[in-house]
Amino acid sequence: MASPQKTTSADGGDWAKFFGTWVRHPLKMGAVAPSSRSYCSMMVDNATTEVNGPILELGPGLGVVTRVLLDKGIAPERITSIEYDPDFADVLKRRFPSVNVIQGDGFDLGKTLADRPTEKFAAILFAIPILNFPQERRQALFKAYFSRLVPGGNLTQLSYSWTPPVKPVPGVFSVSSSPIVWDNIPPARVWIYSQDPPQRAAIAGTA
């Protein structure tokens, strides 16, 4: 099997693609530049990739987090990456031919993963802008994501917000954060959403 093409956030071609797409769709992008390797490594380090099961990546962009997952030793067959932008999705498919890249809506897993309605994931890595949503919708969205996690799995989020973008939902998930990653434009942190004990018990009881 051929090795996936290596990519970094410093690649001038990636910056041009990313910025060009941001100019056309700024609200859908949420950032003007790809996340740095250090920032994406922080996300992967805090994701529960050691838990058995597939991994779901929402909003992979041009694949910096995907590359970090593979470099960490995650088998590409474990990774499902859902990218809304069709041009970005095409780039991802070329770069990572063994990763299951789907061009679709990460906000609607019922439709995007319609052929996998009962599949649960060991970790969800989330990099889709949601700050334009009201807080109630953000919480409802994350509750739906937590219903797709196996016991012990978590959701990690890339965000430039200095406060949790999604407030905890007692009995479902709590939230913590990584240290600030200064090697990013702009500096940011990873938000880590973990299952509350009642949620873990409920998921285990329905498994």
N, C-alpha and C. Protein backbone atom coordinates (compact mmCIF):
# COMPACT_ATOMS: atom_id res chain seq x y z
N MET A 1 0.85 -1.19 0.00
CA MET A 1 0.00 0.00 0.00
C MET A 1 0.88 1.24 0.00
N ALA A 2 0.62 2.18 -0.87
CA ALA A 2 1.43 3.38 -0.95
C ALA A 2 1.19 4.25 0.28
N SER A 3 2.23 4.95 0.70
CA SER A 3 2.10 5.84 1.85
C SER A 3 1.30 7.06 1.45
N PRO A 4 0.42 7.55 2.35
CA PRO A 4 -0.31 8.77 2.04
C PRO A 4 0.65 9.93 1.86
N GLN A 5 0.26 10.87 1.02
CA GLN A 5 1.09 12.04 0.81
C GLN A 5 1.24 12.82 2.09
N LYS A 6 2.44 13.20 2.43
CA LYS A 6 2.69 13.95 3.66
C LYS A 6 2.29 15.40 3.45
N THR A 7 1.71 16.01 4.48
CA THR A 7 1.28 17.39 4.37
C THR A 7 1.51 18.11 5.68
N THR A 8 1.77 19.38 5.65
CA THR A 8 1.90 20.19 6.86
C THR A 8 1.12 21.47 6.65
N SER A 9 0.80 22.15 7.78
CA SER A 9 0.06 23.39 7.69
C SER A 9 0.88 24.50 7.05
N ALA A 10 2.20 24.31 6.93
CA ALA A 10 3.05 25.33 6.34
C ALA A 10 3.07 25.25 4.83
N ASP A 11 2.49 24.23 4.24
CA ASP A 11 2.46 24.06 2.80
C ASP A 11 1.76 25.26 2.17
N GLY A 12 2.48 25.99 1.32
CA GLY A 12 1.91 27.18 0.71
C GLY A 12 0.66 26.90 -0.09
N GLY A 13 0.62 25.74 -0.75
CA GLY A 13 -0.57 25.38 -1.51
C GLY A 13 -1.78 25.22 -0.61
N ASP A 14 -1.57 24.62 0.57
CA ASP A 14 -2.68 24.45 1.50
C ASP A 14 -3.18 25.80 2.01
N TRP A 15 -2.25 26.69 2.32
CA TRP A 15 -2.66 28.02 2.78
C TRP A 15 -3.51 28.70 1.72
N ALA A 16 -3.09 28.60 0.45
CA ALA A 16 -3.83 29.25 -0.62
C ALA A 16 -5.23 28.65 -0.77
N LYS A 17 -5.32 27.31 -0.74
CA LYS A 17 -6.63 26.66 -0.84
C LYS A 17 -7.52 27.05 0.31
N PHE A 18 -6.96 27.01 1.51
CA PHE A 18 -7.74 27.28 2.72
C PHE A 18 -8.24 28.72 2.72
N PHE A 19 -7.33 29.67 2.44
CA PHE A 19 -7.72 31.08 2.48
C PHE A 19 -8.72 31.39 1.38
N GLY A 20 -8.53 30.79 0.21
CA GLY A 20 -9.48 31.02 -0.89
C GLY A 20 -10.87 30.54 -0.54
N THR A 21 -10.97 29.40 0.13
CA THR A 21 -12.27 28.89 0.55
C THR A 21 -12.86 29.76 1.65
N TRP A 22 -12.01 30.25 2.56
CA TRP A 22 -12.50 31.15 3.61
C TRP A 22 -13.08 32.42 3.02
N VAL A 23 -12.45 32.96 1.99
CA VAL A 23 -12.96 34.18 1.35
C VAL A 23 -14.37 33.95 0.81
N ARG A 24 -14.59 32.76 0.25
CA ARG A 24 -15.91 32.45 -0.33
C ARG A 24 -16.94 32.10 0.74
N HIS A 25 -16.51 31.39 1.80
CA HIS A 25 -17.46 30.90 2.80
C HIS A 25 -16.91 31.10 4.22
N PRO A 26 -16.76 32.35 4.67
CA PRO A 26 -16.11 32.58 5.97
C PRO A 26 -16.85 31.96 7.15
N LEU A 27 -18.17 31.95 7.15
CA LEU A 27 -18.91 31.39 8.29
C LEU A 27 -18.78 29.88 8.36
N LYS A 28 -18.62 29.23 7.23
CA LYS A 28 -18.49 27.78 7.22
C LYS A 28 -17.08 27.34 7.60
N MET A 29 -16.11 28.22 7.40
CA MET A 29 -14.72 27.85 7.68
C MET A 29 -14.36 28.12 9.14
N GLY A 30 -14.63 29.33 9.61
CA GLY A 30 -14.32 29.65 11.00
C GLY A 30 -12.87 29.99 11.25
N ALA A 31 -11.98 29.84 10.27
CA ALA A 31 -10.56 30.15 10.43
C ALA A 31 -10.01 30.58 9.08
N VAL A 32 -8.97 31.39 9.11
CA VAL A 32 -8.39 31.87 7.86
C VAL A 32 -7.19 31.05 7.43
N ALA A 33 -6.73 30.13 8.29
CA ALA A 33 -5.55 29.33 7.97
C ALA A 33 -5.71 27.94 8.58
N PRO A 34 -5.05 26.94 7.99
CA PRO A 34 -5.09 25.61 8.58
C PRO A 34 -4.51 25.62 9.99
N SER A 35 -5.03 24.76 10.86
CA SER A 35 -4.50 24.66 12.21
C SER A 35 -3.06 24.14 12.17
N SER A 36 -2.25 24.58 13.12
CA SER A 36 -0.85 24.18 13.14
C SER A 36 -0.71 22.71 13.54
N ARG A 37 0.44 22.16 13.19
CA ARG A 37 0.74 20.78 13.57
C ARG A 37 0.71 20.62 15.09
N SER A 38 1.24 21.60 15.83
CA SER A 38 1.26 21.51 17.29
C SER A 38 -0.15 21.48 17.86
N TYR A 39 -1.01 22.31 17.31
CA TYR A 39 -2.40 22.38 17.78
C TYR A 39 -3.12 21.07 17.49
N CYS A 40 -2.95 20.54 16.29
CA CYS A 40 -3.60 19.28 15.93
C CYS A 40 -3.05 18.12 16.76
N SER A 41 -1.75 18.15 17.06
CA SER A 41 -1.17 17.12 17.91
C SER A 41 -1.79 17.16 19.31
N MET A 42 -2.05 18.36 19.82
CA MET A 42 -2.69 18.49 21.11
C MET A 42 -4.08 17.87 21.09
N MET A 43 -4.79 18.06 19.99
CA MET A 43 -6.12 17.46 19.86
C MET A 43 -6.04 15.93 19.88
N VAL A 44 -5.14 15.39 19.08
CA VAL A 44 -5.02 13.94 18.99
C VAL A 44 -4.55 13.35 20.31
N ASP A 45 -3.63 14.03 20.98
CA ASP A 45 -3.12 13.54 22.26
C ASP A 45 -4.22 13.45 23.32
N ASN A 46 -5.24 14.30 23.21
CA ASN A 46 -6.32 14.31 24.19
C ASN A 46 -7.53 13.50 23.77
N ALA A 47 -7.51 12.97 22.56
CA ALA A 47 -8.62 12.13 22.09
C ALA A 47 -8.41 10.70 22.58
N THR A 48 -9.51 9.99 22.79
CA THR A 48 -9.45 8.62 23.32
C THR A 48 -9.21 7.60 22.20
N THR A 49 -8.13 7.80 21.47
CA THR A 49 -7.83 6.90 20.36
C THR A 49 -7.39 5.53 20.83
N GLU A 50 -7.01 5.42 22.13
CA GLU A 50 -6.59 4.11 22.65
C GLU A 50 -7.77 3.19 22.91
N VAL A 51 -8.98 3.74 22.94
CA VAL A 51 -10.18 2.93 23.12
C VAL A 51 -10.45 2.16 21.82
N ASN A 52 -10.87 0.91 21.93
CA ASN A 52 -11.14 0.12 20.74
C ASN A 52 -12.33 0.68 19.98
N GLY A 53 -12.20 0.72 18.67
CA GLY A 53 -13.31 1.15 17.84
C GLY A 53 -12.88 2.15 16.79
N PRO A 54 -13.78 2.47 15.87
CA PRO A 54 -13.47 3.44 14.82
C PRO A 54 -13.38 4.86 15.38
N ILE A 55 -12.78 5.74 14.60
CA ILE A 55 -12.58 7.13 14.99
C ILE A 55 -13.28 8.02 13.97
N LEU A 56 -14.00 9.02 14.46
CA LEU A 56 -14.75 9.92 13.60
C LEU A 56 -14.13 11.31 13.64
N GLU A 57 -13.77 11.82 12.47
CA GLU A 57 -13.19 13.15 12.36
C GLU A 57 -14.18 14.04 11.61
N LEU A 58 -14.62 15.12 12.25
CA LEU A 58 -15.61 16.02 11.67
C LEU A 58 -14.94 17.35 11.35
N GLY A 59 -14.93 17.71 10.06
CA GLY A 59 -14.27 18.94 9.65
C GLY A 59 -12.78 18.81 9.51
N PRO A 60 -12.28 17.81 8.77
CA PRO A 60 -10.83 17.61 8.66
C PRO A 60 -10.10 18.67 7.84
N GLY A 61 -10.84 19.48 7.09
CA GLY A 61 -10.17 20.50 6.27
C GLY A 61 -9.26 19.87 5.24
N LEU A 62 -7.97 20.18 5.31
CA LEU A 62 -7.00 19.63 4.36
C LEU A 62 -6.14 18.54 4.99
N GLY A 63 -6.52 18.07 6.18
CA GLY A 63 -5.94 16.83 6.67
C GLY A 63 -4.80 16.93 7.66
N VAL A 64 -4.63 18.06 8.37
CA VAL A 64 -3.54 18.14 9.33
C VAL A 64 -3.78 17.18 10.49
N VAL A 65 -5.00 17.16 11.03
CA VAL A 65 -5.32 16.22 12.11
C VAL A 65 -5.25 14.78 11.60
N THR A 66 -5.74 14.55 10.41
CA THR A 66 -5.69 13.20 9.82
C THR A 66 -4.25 12.70 9.76
N ARG A 67 -3.35 13.58 9.33
CA ARG A 67 -1.93 13.20 9.24
C ARG A 67 -1.37 12.87 10.61
N VAL A 68 -1.74 13.65 11.63
CA VAL A 68 -1.25 13.39 12.99
C VAL A 68 -1.78 12.05 13.49
N LEU A 69 -3.05 11.76 13.23
CA LEU A 69 -3.60 10.46 13.63
C LEU A 69 -2.80 9.32 13.02
N LEU A 70 -2.50 9.43 11.73
CA LEU A 70 -1.75 8.37 11.06
C LEU A 70 -0.33 8.27 11.59
N ASP A 71 0.30 9.42 11.84
CA ASP A 71 1.66 9.41 12.37
C ASP A 71 1.71 8.83 13.78
N LYS A 72 0.60 8.93 14.50
CA LYS A 72 0.53 8.35 15.84
C LYS A 72 0.37 6.83 15.79
N GLY A 73 0.14 6.30 14.61
CA GLY A 73 0.02 4.86 14.45
C GLY A 73 -1.40 4.36 14.33
N ILE A 74 -2.36 5.28 14.19
CA ILE A 74 -3.76 4.87 14.01
C ILE A 74 -3.92 4.29 12.62
N ALA A 75 -4.47 3.10 12.53
CA ALA A 75 -4.69 2.47 11.22
C ALA A 75 -5.67 3.32 10.41
N PRO A 76 -5.37 3.61 9.15
CA PRO A 76 -6.27 4.46 8.36
C PRO A 76 -7.67 3.89 8.23
N GLU A 77 -7.79 2.56 8.30
CA GLU A 77 -9.10 1.93 8.17
C GLU A 77 -10.01 2.25 9.36
N ARG A 78 -9.42 2.70 10.47
CA ARG A 78 -10.22 3.07 11.64
C ARG A 78 -10.87 4.45 11.48
N ILE A 79 -10.34 5.26 10.58
CA ILE A 79 -10.71 6.68 10.52
C ILE A 79 -11.80 6.93 9.48
N THR A 80 -12.86 7.60 9.92
CA THR A 80 -13.86 8.14 9.01
C THR A 80 -13.79 9.66 9.12
N SER A 81 -13.53 10.34 8.01
CA SER A 81 -13.41 11.79 7.99
C SER A 81 -14.54 12.38 7.16
N ILE A 82 -15.35 13.22 7.78
CA ILE A 82 -16.48 13.84 7.09
C ILE A 82 -16.15 15.30 6.83
N GLU A 83 -16.06 15.66 5.56
CA GLU A 83 -15.71 17.03 5.16
C GLU A 83 -16.82 17.60 4.28
N TYR A 84 -17.31 18.79 4.65
CA TYR A 84 -18.42 19.41 3.94
C TYR A 84 -18.00 19.96 2.57
N ASP A 85 -16.83 20.59 2.50
CA ASP A 85 -16.40 21.23 1.26
C ASP A 85 -15.96 20.18 0.24
N PRO A 86 -16.57 20.14 -0.93
CA PRO A 86 -16.24 19.08 -1.90
C PRO A 86 -14.81 19.14 -2.40
N ASP A 87 -14.26 20.34 -2.55
CA ASP A 87 -12.87 20.45 -3.02
C ASP A 87 -11.90 19.91 -1.97
N PHE A 88 -12.14 20.26 -0.71
CA PHE A 88 -11.31 19.72 0.36
C PHE A 88 -11.44 18.20 0.44
N ALA A 89 -12.65 17.71 0.29
CA ALA A 89 -12.87 16.26 0.35
C ALA A 89 -12.09 15.55 -0.75
N ASP A 90 -12.05 16.13 -1.92
CA ASP A 90 -11.28 15.53 -3.02
C ASP A 90 -9.79 15.49 -2.70
N VAL A 91 -9.27 16.57 -2.09
CA VAL A 91 -7.86 16.59 -1.68
C VAL A 91 -7.59 15.49 -0.67
N LEU A 92 -8.47 15.36 0.31
CA LEU A 92 -8.29 14.34 1.35
C LEU A 92 -8.29 12.93 0.75
N LYS A 93 -9.17 12.68 -0.19
CA LYS A 93 -9.24 11.34 -0.81
C LYS A 93 -7.95 11.01 -1.54
N ARG A 94 -7.34 12.02 -2.16
CA ARG A 94 -6.08 11.78 -2.86
C ARG A 94 -4.93 11.58 -1.88
N ARG A 95 -4.93 12.36 -0.81
CA ARG A 95 -3.82 12.28 0.15
C ARG A 95 -3.88 11.04 1.02
N PHE A 96 -5.08 10.63 1.36
CA PHE A 96 -5.25 9.53 2.31
C PHE A 96 -6.19 8.48 1.72
N PRO A 97 -5.73 7.74 0.73
CA PRO A 97 -6.62 6.82 0.01
C PRO A 97 -7.17 5.69 0.87
N SER A 98 -6.55 5.38 1.98
CA SER A 98 -7.04 4.29 2.83
C SER A 98 -7.97 4.78 3.94
N VAL A 99 -8.08 6.11 4.10
CA VAL A 99 -9.02 6.68 5.07
C VAL A 99 -10.39 6.78 4.42
N ASN A 100 -11.43 6.52 5.18
CA ASN A 100 -12.79 6.62 4.66
C ASN A 100 -13.23 8.09 4.69
N VAL A 101 -12.99 8.80 3.60
CA VAL A 101 -13.35 10.21 3.49
C VAL A 101 -14.74 10.31 2.87
N ILE A 102 -15.61 11.04 3.55
CA ILE A 102 -16.98 11.22 3.08
C ILE A 102 -17.24 12.71 2.91
N GLN A 103 -17.70 13.10 1.74
CA GLN A 103 -18.13 14.48 1.54
C GLN A 103 -19.57 14.56 2.01
N GLY A 104 -19.78 15.27 3.14
CA GLY A 104 -21.12 15.30 3.72
C GLY A 104 -21.19 16.28 4.87
N ASP A 105 -22.31 16.25 5.55
CA ASP A 105 -22.60 17.21 6.62
C ASP A 105 -22.34 16.58 7.98
N GLY A 106 -21.32 17.08 8.66
CA GLY A 106 -21.00 16.56 9.99
C GLY A 106 -22.03 16.90 11.03
N PHE A 107 -22.91 17.85 10.75
CA PHE A 107 -23.98 18.18 11.67
C PHE A 107 -25.16 17.22 11.56
N ASP A 108 -25.18 16.39 10.54
CA ASP A 108 -26.29 15.47 10.31
C ASP A 108 -25.75 14.07 10.07
N LEU A 109 -25.34 13.40 11.16
CA LEU A 109 -24.77 12.06 11.02
C LEU A 109 -25.82 11.06 10.57
N GLY A 110 -27.08 11.30 10.92
CA GLY A 110 -28.14 10.38 10.50
C GLY A 110 -28.19 10.28 8.99
N LYS A 111 -28.00 11.39 8.30
CA LYS A 111 -28.03 11.39 6.83
C LYS A 111 -26.67 10.99 6.26
N THR A 112 -25.61 11.59 6.80
CA THR A 112 -24.27 11.35 6.23
C THR A 112 -23.80 9.92 6.45
N LEU A 113 -24.16 9.34 7.58
CA LEU A 113 -23.79 7.95 7.88
C LEU A 113 -25.04 7.06 7.88
N ALA A 114 -25.92 7.30 6.92
CA ALA A 114 -27.19 6.58 6.88
C ALA A 114 -27.01 5.07 6.74
N ASP A 115 -25.90 4.65 6.12
CA ASP A 115 -25.64 3.22 5.96
C ASP A 115 -24.96 2.61 7.18
N ARG A 116 -24.71 3.43 8.22
CA ARG A 116 -24.05 2.96 9.45
C ARG A 116 -24.79 3.51 10.67
N PRO A 117 -26.09 3.29 10.76
CA PRO A 117 -26.89 3.98 11.79
C PRO A 117 -26.58 3.58 13.22
N THR A 118 -26.05 2.40 13.44
CA THR A 118 -25.81 1.94 14.81
C THR A 118 -24.33 1.95 15.19
N GLU A 119 -23.48 2.39 14.28
CA GLU A 119 -22.04 2.38 14.56
C GLU A 119 -21.69 3.40 15.64
N LYS A 120 -20.83 2.99 16.59
CA LYS A 120 -20.35 3.89 17.63
C LYS A 120 -18.84 4.02 17.52
N PHE A 121 -18.34 5.14 18.02
CA PHE A 121 -16.95 5.51 17.80
C PHE A 121 -16.18 5.60 19.11
N ALA A 122 -14.89 5.31 19.00
CA ALA A 122 -14.00 5.39 20.17
C ALA A 122 -13.67 6.84 20.50
N ALA A 123 -13.67 7.69 19.50
CA ALA A 123 -13.36 9.11 19.70
C ALA A 123 -13.97 9.90 18.55
N ILE A 124 -14.40 11.12 18.87
CA ILE A 124 -14.88 12.06 17.86
C ILE A 124 -13.99 13.30 17.95
N LEU A 125 -13.39 13.67 16.83
CA LEU A 125 -12.54 14.86 16.76
C LEU A 125 -13.28 15.90 15.93
N PHE A 126 -13.62 17.02 16.57
CA PHE A 126 -14.59 17.97 16.02
C PHE A 126 -13.90 19.30 15.71
N ALA A 127 -13.99 19.73 14.44
CA ALA A 127 -13.37 21.00 14.03
C ALA A 127 -14.28 21.75 13.07
N ILE A 128 -15.57 21.81 13.42
CA ILE A 128 -16.54 22.54 12.62
C ILE A 128 -16.97 23.78 13.41
N PRO A 129 -17.03 24.95 12.78
CA PRO A 129 -17.43 26.15 13.53
C PRO A 129 -18.90 26.07 13.96
N ILE A 130 -19.15 26.32 15.26
CA ILE A 130 -20.52 26.27 15.77
C ILE A 130 -20.88 27.49 16.62
N LEU A 131 -19.98 28.47 16.71
CA LEU A 131 -20.24 29.60 17.58
C LEU A 131 -21.40 30.47 17.10
N ASN A 132 -21.80 30.31 15.83
CA ASN A 132 -22.95 31.06 15.33
C ASN A 132 -24.27 30.39 15.72
N PHE A 133 -24.20 29.19 16.33
CA PHE A 133 -25.40 28.50 16.80
C PHE A 133 -25.74 28.96 18.22
N PRO A 134 -27.02 28.99 18.58
CA PRO A 134 -27.35 29.24 19.99
C PRO A 134 -26.86 28.09 20.86
N GLN A 135 -26.61 28.39 22.14
CA GLN A 135 -26.05 27.40 23.05
C GLN A 135 -26.90 26.13 23.13
N GLU A 136 -28.22 26.28 23.11
CA GLU A 136 -29.10 25.11 23.22
C GLU A 136 -28.90 24.16 22.04
N ARG A 137 -28.69 24.72 20.86
CA ARG A 137 -28.47 23.86 19.69
C ARG A 137 -27.11 23.17 19.79
N ARG A 138 -26.10 23.89 20.26
CA ARG A 138 -24.78 23.28 20.42
C ARG A 138 -24.86 22.08 21.38
N GLN A 139 -25.54 22.27 22.50
CA GLN A 139 -25.66 21.19 23.48
C GLN A 139 -26.44 20.01 22.91
N ALA A 140 -27.51 20.30 22.17
CA ALA A 140 -28.29 19.21 21.56
C ALA A 140 -27.45 18.44 20.54
N LEU A 141 -26.63 19.17 19.79
CA LEU A 141 -25.76 18.53 18.80
C LEU A 141 -24.76 17.61 19.49
N PHE A 142 -24.12 18.09 20.57
CA PHE A 142 -23.14 17.28 21.26
C PHE A 142 -23.78 16.10 21.98
N LYS A 143 -24.98 16.27 22.48
CA LYS A 143 -25.69 15.12 23.07
C LYS A 143 -25.89 14.03 22.02
N ALA A 144 -26.22 14.44 20.80
CA ALA A 144 -26.38 13.45 19.73
C ALA A 144 -25.04 12.77 19.42
N TYR A 145 -23.95 13.54 19.42
CA TYR A 145 -22.65 12.93 19.19
C TYR A 145 -22.30 11.93 20.29
N PHE A 146 -22.61 12.28 21.53
CA PHE A 146 -22.28 11.39 22.64
C PHE A 146 -23.06 10.08 22.56
N SER A 147 -24.21 10.10 21.92
CA SER A 147 -24.95 8.84 21.73
C SER A 147 -24.25 7.93 20.74
N ARG A 148 -23.26 8.46 20.00
CA ARG A 148 -22.50 7.66 19.03
C ARG A 148 -21.12 7.28 19.56
N LEU A 149 -20.86 7.49 20.84
CA LEU A 149 -19.57 7.11 21.43
C LEU A 149 -19.69 5.80 22.21
N VAL A 150 -18.62 5.00 22.17
CA VAL A 150 -18.56 3.80 23.00
C VAL A 150 -18.22 4.23 24.43
N PRO A 151 -18.47 3.38 25.42
CA PRO A 151 -18.08 3.72 26.80
C PRO A 151 -16.59 4.08 26.87
N GLY A 152 -16.30 5.19 27.52
CA GLY A 152 -14.92 5.64 27.66
C GLY A 152 -14.45 6.55 26.55
N GLY A 153 -15.24 6.69 25.48
CA GLY A 153 -14.85 7.57 24.39
C GLY A 153 -15.12 9.03 24.72
N ASN A 154 -14.39 9.93 24.06
CA ASN A 154 -14.62 11.35 24.29
C ASN A 154 -14.72 12.12 22.98
N LEU A 155 -15.03 13.40 23.11
CA LEU A 155 -15.08 14.31 21.96
C LEU A 155 -14.11 15.44 22.23
N THR A 156 -13.23 15.70 21.29
CA THR A 156 -12.29 16.81 21.40
C THR A 156 -12.63 17.84 20.32
N GLN A 157 -12.47 19.11 20.68
CA GLN A 157 -12.88 20.19 19.79
C GLN A 157 -11.77 21.22 19.63
N LEU A 158 -11.47 21.56 18.38
CA LEU A 158 -10.59 22.68 18.10
C LEU A 158 -11.43 23.95 18.11
N SER A 159 -11.03 24.93 18.91
CA SER A 159 -11.78 26.18 18.98
C SER A 159 -10.89 27.31 19.46
N TYR A 160 -11.14 28.51 18.93
CA TYR A 160 -10.41 29.69 19.37
C TYR A 160 -11.09 30.37 20.55
N SER A 161 -12.22 29.84 20.97
CA SER A 161 -12.95 30.44 22.09
C SER A 161 -12.17 30.29 23.39
N TRP A 162 -12.22 31.31 24.25
CA TRP A 162 -11.51 31.28 25.53
C TRP A 162 -12.38 30.69 26.63
N THR A 163 -13.64 30.42 26.32
CA THR A 163 -14.54 29.72 27.24
C THR A 163 -15.11 28.53 26.50
N PRO A 164 -15.63 27.52 27.20
CA PRO A 164 -16.13 26.32 26.51
C PRO A 164 -17.19 26.68 25.46
N PRO A 165 -16.99 26.34 24.21
CA PRO A 165 -18.00 26.64 23.19
C PRO A 165 -19.33 25.94 23.47
N VAL A 166 -19.25 24.77 24.10
CA VAL A 166 -20.46 24.02 24.46
C VAL A 166 -20.43 23.80 25.96
N LYS A 167 -21.46 24.28 26.63
CA LYS A 167 -21.52 24.12 28.09
C LYS A 167 -21.82 22.67 28.44
N PRO A 168 -21.32 22.19 29.57
CA PRO A 168 -21.58 20.80 29.96
C PRO A 168 -23.06 20.53 30.13
N VAL A 169 -23.43 19.29 29.87
CA VAL A 169 -24.80 18.82 30.09
C VAL A 169 -24.72 17.77 31.20
N PRO A 170 -25.14 18.10 32.43
CA PRO A 170 -25.01 17.16 33.54
C PRO A 170 -25.66 15.82 33.24
N GLY A 171 -24.92 14.75 33.58
CA GLY A 171 -25.40 13.40 33.30
C GLY A 171 -25.05 12.91 31.91
N VAL A 172 -24.55 13.82 31.05
CA VAL A 172 -24.17 13.43 29.69
C VAL A 172 -22.67 13.67 29.48
N PHE A 173 -22.22 14.92 29.61
CA PHE A 173 -20.80 15.18 29.43
C PHE A 173 -20.37 16.38 30.25
N SER A 174 -19.09 16.36 30.62
CA SER A 174 -18.42 17.48 31.28
C SER A 174 -17.35 18.00 30.33
N VAL A 175 -16.74 19.14 30.66
CA VAL A 175 -15.78 19.74 29.74
C VAL A 175 -14.56 20.23 30.50
N SER A 176 -13.40 20.04 29.89
CA SER A 176 -12.13 20.58 30.38
C SER A 176 -11.37 21.09 29.16
N SER A 177 -10.15 21.57 29.38
CA SER A 177 -9.41 22.11 28.25
C SER A 177 -7.94 21.77 28.35
N SER A 178 -7.26 21.83 27.21
CA SER A 178 -5.82 21.69 27.16
C SER A 178 -5.17 23.03 27.49
N PRO A 179 -3.85 23.05 27.70
CA PRO A 179 -3.17 24.35 27.76
C PRO A 179 -3.31 25.09 26.42
N ILE A 180 -3.10 26.38 26.46
CA ILE A 180 -3.13 27.17 25.23
C ILE A 180 -1.97 26.74 24.32
N VAL A 181 -2.26 26.59 23.05
CA VAL A 181 -1.22 26.31 22.06
C VAL A 181 -0.89 27.63 21.38
N TRP A 182 0.27 28.18 21.69
CA TRP A 182 0.65 29.48 21.16
C TRP A 182 1.14 29.38 19.72
N ASP A 183 1.58 28.18 19.33
CA ASP A 183 2.07 27.98 17.96
C ASP A 183 0.90 27.69 17.03
N ASN A 184 0.02 28.66 16.89
CA ASN A 184 -1.15 28.53 16.03
C ASN A 184 -1.62 29.94 15.69
N ILE A 185 -2.32 30.08 14.57
CA ILE A 185 -2.87 31.37 14.17
C ILE A 185 -4.39 31.29 14.18
N PRO A 186 -5.07 31.93 15.15
CA PRO A 186 -4.52 32.55 16.36
C PRO A 186 -4.23 31.49 17.42
N PRO A 187 -3.57 31.85 18.54
CA PRO A 187 -3.40 30.89 19.63
C PRO A 187 -4.74 30.35 20.08
N ALA A 188 -4.76 29.08 20.47
CA ALA A 188 -6.04 28.43 20.78
C ALA A 188 -5.80 27.27 21.73
N ARG A 189 -6.88 26.63 22.12
CA ARG A 189 -6.78 25.46 22.98
C ARG A 189 -7.74 24.39 22.47
N VAL A 190 -7.56 23.18 22.99
CA VAL A 190 -8.46 22.07 22.67
C VAL A 190 -9.44 21.91 23.82
N TRP A 191 -10.71 21.82 23.50
CA TRP A 191 -11.74 21.56 24.50
C TRP A 191 -12.05 20.07 24.51
N ILE A 192 -12.10 19.50 25.70
CA ILE A 192 -12.22 18.04 25.86
C ILE A 192 -13.53 17.75 26.58
N TYR A 193 -14.41 17.04 25.90
CA TYR A 193 -15.72 16.70 26.44
C TYR A 193 -15.72 15.21 26.80
N SER A 194 -15.95 14.92 28.08
CA SER A 194 -15.86 13.56 28.60
C SER A 194 -17.21 13.08 29.10
N GLN A 195 -17.47 11.80 28.95
CA GLN A 195 -18.74 11.22 29.41
C GLN A 195 -18.86 11.33 30.92
N ASP A 196 -20.02 11.78 31.40
CA ASP A 196 -20.32 11.70 32.82
C ASP A 196 -20.61 10.25 33.19
N PRO A 197 -20.36 9.84 34.42
CA PRO A 197 -20.60 8.44 34.81
C PRO A 197 -21.98 7.91 34.46
N PRO A 198 -23.08 8.66 34.69
CA PRO A 198 -24.39 8.11 34.30
C PRO A 198 -24.48 7.83 32.81
N GLN A 199 -23.83 8.68 32.00
CA GLN A 199 -23.85 8.47 30.55
C GLN A 199 -23.09 7.20 30.20
N ARG A 200 -21.94 6.98 30.84
CA ARG A 200 -21.17 5.77 30.56
C ARG A 200 -22.00 4.54 30.91
N ALA A 201 -22.70 4.60 32.02
CA ALA A 201 -23.52 3.46 32.44
C ALA A 201 -24.67 3.23 31.47
N ALA A 202 -25.29 4.34 31.02
CA ALA A 202 -26.41 4.21 30.10
C ALA A 202 -25.98 3.63 28.77
N ILE A 203 -24.80 4.09 28.28
CA ILE A 203 -24.29 3.57 27.01
C ILE A 203 -23.96 2.09 27.14
N ALA A 204 -23.32 1.72 28.26
CA ALA A 204 -22.97 0.32 28.48
C ALA A 204 -24.22 -0.54 28.54
N GLY A 205 -25.30 0.00 29.12
CA GLY A 205 -26.53 -0.79 29.25
C GLY A 205 -27.26 -1.01 27.95
N THR A 206 -26.97 -0.14 26.95
CA THR A 206 -27.64 -0.28 25.65
C THR A 206 -26.75 -0.92 24.62
N ALA A 207 -25.50 -1.23 25.00
CA ALA A 207 -24.56 -1.80 24.04
C ALA A 207 -24.96 -3.22 23.66
